Amino acid sequence: MKKIGASLLIIVLLVLIPFLLGAKENPLKKMYDPIVTATSRKHDIPPDLVHSIIRAESNYDCFAISAKGAMGLMQLMPDTAREYGVKNVFDPAQNIEGGIKYLKDLIKLFDRKTNIVLAAYNAGQEAIKKFGGIPPYPETKNYIKRIMASYTKTTIMTRTIIYKFYDEAGHPIFTNNPNFYRPNKEK
């Protein structure tokens, strides 16, 4: 128990001292940046978006627990964590991996529209479906504003893989659909 208390005190001091001394950015961001950068690249999600979400969700407190039960840096709900393979929500690497996988699915589901993706991350996909867009919850509206203050892109850009096929006449066909009809002879 003393180890947990000492660890928690160190984390609190790491977070508070720089702010008391006038630092504008949480020093824990720098500590978690290698994980955020590597995992974001792996899943083709902008790392600055992930940092903005972590700042809004937990302010880089890997032990954060919300009143609704969301946990860790990216504030994963237990069912979401389980769905995305997170065994320990308080492990920063696992939490970030699960949060980014979830975020990636939301980006696909909501056509890369930043405000809708953020609303879904905050209020849940069902709330988006129920209201046909951003729900009228003040918390969700404020959440979107906070994140979009630092991540200002209205569309979340991800790389699109382009596949090249040839038709029977030998003409190239470019598509982003890997299941596009492939004739017998490919070049």
Protein backbone atom coordinates (compact mmCIF):
# COMPACT_ATOMS: atom_id res chain seq x y z
CA MET A 1 0.00 0.00 0.00
CA LYS A 2 2.89 2.36 0.77
CA LYS A 3 4.33 1.73 -2.72
CA ILE A 4 1.06 2.77 -4.35
CA GLY A 5 0.85 5.89 -2.21
CA ALA A 6 4.44 6.85 -2.98
CA SER A 7 3.95 6.23 -6.70
CA LEU A 8 0.79 8.29 -6.71
CA LEU A 9 2.55 11.13 -4.88
CA ILE A 10 5.38 11.11 -7.44
CA ILE A 11 2.89 11.27 -10.32
CA VAL A 12 0.98 14.12 -8.67
CA LEU A 13 4.22 16.03 -8.13
CA LEU A 14 5.33 15.40 -11.72
CA VAL A 15 2.04 16.86 -12.91
CA LEU A 16 1.66 19.77 -10.50
CA ILE A 17 5.17 21.18 -10.02
CA PRO A 18 5.68 22.25 -13.64
CA PHE A 19 2.28 23.96 -13.65
CA LEU A 20 3.09 25.76 -10.42
CA LEU A 21 6.36 26.88 -11.99
CA GLY A 22 4.57 28.21 -15.06
CA ALA A 23 4.92 25.35 -17.55
CA LYS A 24 2.17 25.37 -20.18
CA GLU A 25 2.27 21.70 -21.11
CA ASN A 26 1.93 18.59 -18.99
CA PRO A 27 5.39 16.97 -18.65
CA LEU A 28 3.79 13.53 -18.76
CA LYS A 29 2.95 14.20 -22.42
CA LYS A 30 6.64 13.91 -23.20
CA MET A 31 6.84 10.64 -21.27
CA TYR A 32 3.96 9.06 -23.20
CA ASP A 33 4.79 10.58 -26.59
CA PRO A 34 6.88 7.62 -27.84
CA ILE A 35 3.95 5.25 -27.18
CA VAL A 36 1.43 7.64 -28.74
CA THR A 37 3.62 8.25 -31.80
CA ALA A 38 4.44 4.58 -32.46
CA THR A 39 0.88 3.35 -31.91
CA SER A 40 -0.63 6.20 -33.93
CA ARG A 41 1.67 5.42 -36.85
CA LYS A 42 0.88 1.72 -36.59
CA HIS A 43 -2.85 2.44 -36.92
CA ASP A 44 -2.54 5.50 -39.17
CA ILE A 45 -4.16 7.94 -36.72
CA PRO A 46 -2.81 11.49 -36.27
CA PRO A 47 -0.74 11.53 -33.05
CA ASP A 48 -1.74 15.13 -32.31
CA LEU A 49 -5.40 14.01 -32.21
CA VAL A 50 -4.52 11.22 -29.78
CA HIS A 51 -2.61 13.65 -27.55
CA SER A 52 -5.59 16.05 -27.60
CA ILE A 53 -7.93 13.24 -26.56
CA ILE A 54 -5.62 12.06 -23.77
CA ARG A 55 -5.26 15.63 -22.48
CA ALA A 56 -9.06 16.07 -22.42
CA GLU A 57 -9.80 12.61 -21.05
CA SER A 58 -7.23 12.13 -18.29
CA ASN A 59 -4.64 14.92 -18.54
CA TYR A 60 -2.05 12.13 -18.85
CA ASP A 61 -3.03 10.45 -15.57
CA CYS A 62 -2.72 6.74 -16.38
CA PHE A 63 -4.64 5.88 -13.20
CA ALA A 64 -7.61 8.18 -13.91
CA ILE A 65 -11.07 6.75 -13.31
CA SER A 66 -14.17 8.73 -14.27
CA ALA A 67 -17.42 8.82 -12.33
CA LYS A 68 -18.94 6.67 -15.11
CA GLY A 69 -16.19 4.04 -14.88
CA ALA A 70 -13.92 5.00 -17.79
CA MET A 71 -10.29 4.24 -16.98
CA GLY A 72 -6.72 5.09 -17.88
CA LEU A 73 -5.14 7.61 -20.21
CA MET A 74 -7.77 7.36 -22.95
CA GLN A 75 -10.60 6.68 -20.49
CA LEU A 76 -11.77 3.35 -21.83
CA MET A 77 -15.01 1.89 -20.56
CA PRO A 78 -14.62 -1.74 -19.39
CA ASP A 79 -16.57 -3.20 -22.35
CA THR A 80 -14.59 -1.12 -24.86
CA ALA A 81 -11.30 -2.14 -23.26
CA ARG A 82 -12.30 -5.80 -23.43
CA GLU A 83 -13.47 -5.48 -27.06
CA TYR A 84 -10.12 -4.02 -28.12
CA GLY A 85 -7.98 -6.52 -26.23
CA VAL A 86 -6.90 -4.36 -23.30
CA LYS A 87 -6.12 -6.59 -20.33
CA ASN A 88 -4.78 -3.86 -18.02
CA VAL A 89 -6.43 -0.46 -18.58
CA PHE A 90 -3.84 1.20 -16.36
CA ASP A 91 -0.94 0.06 -18.54
CA PRO A 92 -0.27 3.11 -20.75
CA ALA A 93 0.75 1.10 -23.83
CA GLN A 94 -2.31 -1.16 -23.66
CA ASN A 95 -4.68 1.71 -22.94
CA ILE A 96 -3.34 3.83 -25.81
CA GLU A 97 -3.44 0.83 -28.18
CA GLY A 98 -7.05 0.06 -27.27
CA GLY A 99 -8.09 3.71 -27.41
CA ILE A 100 -6.51 4.21 -30.82
CA LYS A 101 -8.11 1.03 -32.21
CA TYR A 102 -11.49 2.26 -30.98
CA LEU A 103 -10.81 5.72 -32.40
CA LYS A 104 -9.87 4.19 -35.76
CA ASP A 105 -13.18 2.32 -35.89
CA LEU A 106 -15.08 5.53 -35.05
CA ILE A 107 -13.22 7.39 -37.79
CA LYS A 108 -14.32 4.79 -40.34
CA LEU A 109 -17.85 4.62 -38.98
CA PHE A 110 -18.41 8.38 -38.97
CA ASP A 111 -16.71 9.22 -42.26
CA ARG A 112 -13.65 10.94 -40.68
CA LYS A 113 -15.73 13.93 -39.43
CA THR A 114 -13.79 15.12 -36.42
CA ASN A 115 -16.68 16.57 -34.42
CA ILE A 116 -18.85 13.46 -34.87
CA VAL A 117 -15.96 11.10 -34.08
CA LEU A 118 -15.20 13.07 -30.91
CA ALA A 119 -18.87 13.10 -29.91
CA ALA A 120 -18.99 9.32 -30.38
CA TYR A 121 -15.78 8.86 -28.36
CA ASN A 122 -17.29 10.93 -25.53
CA ALA A 123 -20.99 10.02 -25.56
CA GLY A 124 -20.94 6.69 -27.37
CA GLN A 125 -22.01 5.54 -30.80
CA GLU A 126 -25.60 4.96 -29.73
CA ALA A 127 -26.02 8.61 -28.73
CA ILE A 128 -24.90 9.67 -32.23
CA LYS A 129 -27.41 7.29 -33.80
CA LYS A 130 -30.18 8.34 -31.41
CA PHE A 131 -29.79 12.05 -32.15
CA GLY A 132 -28.69 11.75 -35.77
CA GLY A 133 -25.44 13.58 -35.00
CA ILE A 134 -23.89 15.33 -32.02
CA PRO A 135 -26.07 14.77 -28.96
CA PRO A 136 -27.31 17.85 -27.09
CA TYR A 137 -25.29 16.98 -23.98
CA PRO A 138 -23.37 20.01 -22.60
CA GLU A 139 -20.51 17.71 -21.53
CA THR A 140 -20.11 16.38 -25.09
CA LYS A 141 -20.33 19.83 -26.66
CA ASN A 142 -17.67 21.15 -24.26
CA TYR A 143 -15.52 18.07 -24.88
CA ILE A 144 -15.55 18.69 -28.63
CA LYS A 145 -14.68 22.38 -28.12
CA ARG A 146 -11.77 21.54 -25.79
CA ILE A 147 -10.25 19.05 -28.20
CA MET A 148 -10.85 21.13 -31.31
CA ALA A 149 -9.09 24.06 -29.64
CA SER A 150 -5.85 22.12 -30.17
CA TYR A 151 -6.82 19.73 -32.98
CA THR A 152 -8.43 22.08 -35.48
CA LYS A 153 -8.85 19.79 -38.48
CA THR A 154 -12.52 19.19 -39.35
CA THR A 155 -11.66 15.92 -41.11
CA ILE A 156 -9.38 13.25 -39.70
CA MET A 157 -7.01 12.35 -42.47
CA THR A 158 -5.69 8.84 -42.74
CA ARG A 159 -3.69 7.25 -45.51
CA THR A 160 -5.62 5.45 -48.18
CA ILE A 161 -3.95 2.43 -49.70
CA ILE A 162 -4.32 2.43 -53.47
CA TYR A 163 -4.35 -0.87 -55.33
CA LYS A 164 -3.40 -1.21 -58.98
CA PHE A 165 -5.06 -3.84 -61.16
CA TYR A 166 -5.16 -4.37 -64.90
CA ASP A 167 -8.27 -5.17 -66.91
CA GLU A 168 -8.37 -7.78 -69.68
CA ALA A 169 -7.16 -5.20 -72.21
CA GLY A 170 -4.14 -4.35 -70.07
CA HIS A 171 -5.41 -0.97 -68.89
CA PRO A 172 -4.48 -0.03 -65.32
CA ILE A 173 -7.27 0.31 -62.77
CA PHE A 174 -6.61 2.15 -59.51
CA THR A 175 -8.88 1.58 -56.52
CA ASN A 176 -8.89 1.76 -52.74
CA ASN A 177 -10.93 -1.46 -52.60
CA PRO A 178 -8.68 -4.52 -52.13
CA ASN A 179 -11.60 -6.78 -53.08
CA PHE A 180 -12.08 -5.11 -56.42
CA TYR A 181 -12.62 -7.59 -59.26
CA ARG A 182 -9.30 -9.04 -60.31
CA PRO A 183 -9.18 -10.50 -63.80
CA ASN A 184 -7.14 -13.66 -64.34
CA LYS A 185 -4.14 -11.86 -65.71
CA GLU A 186 -2.56 -9.30 -63.42
CA LYS A 187 0.54 -7.43 -64.43
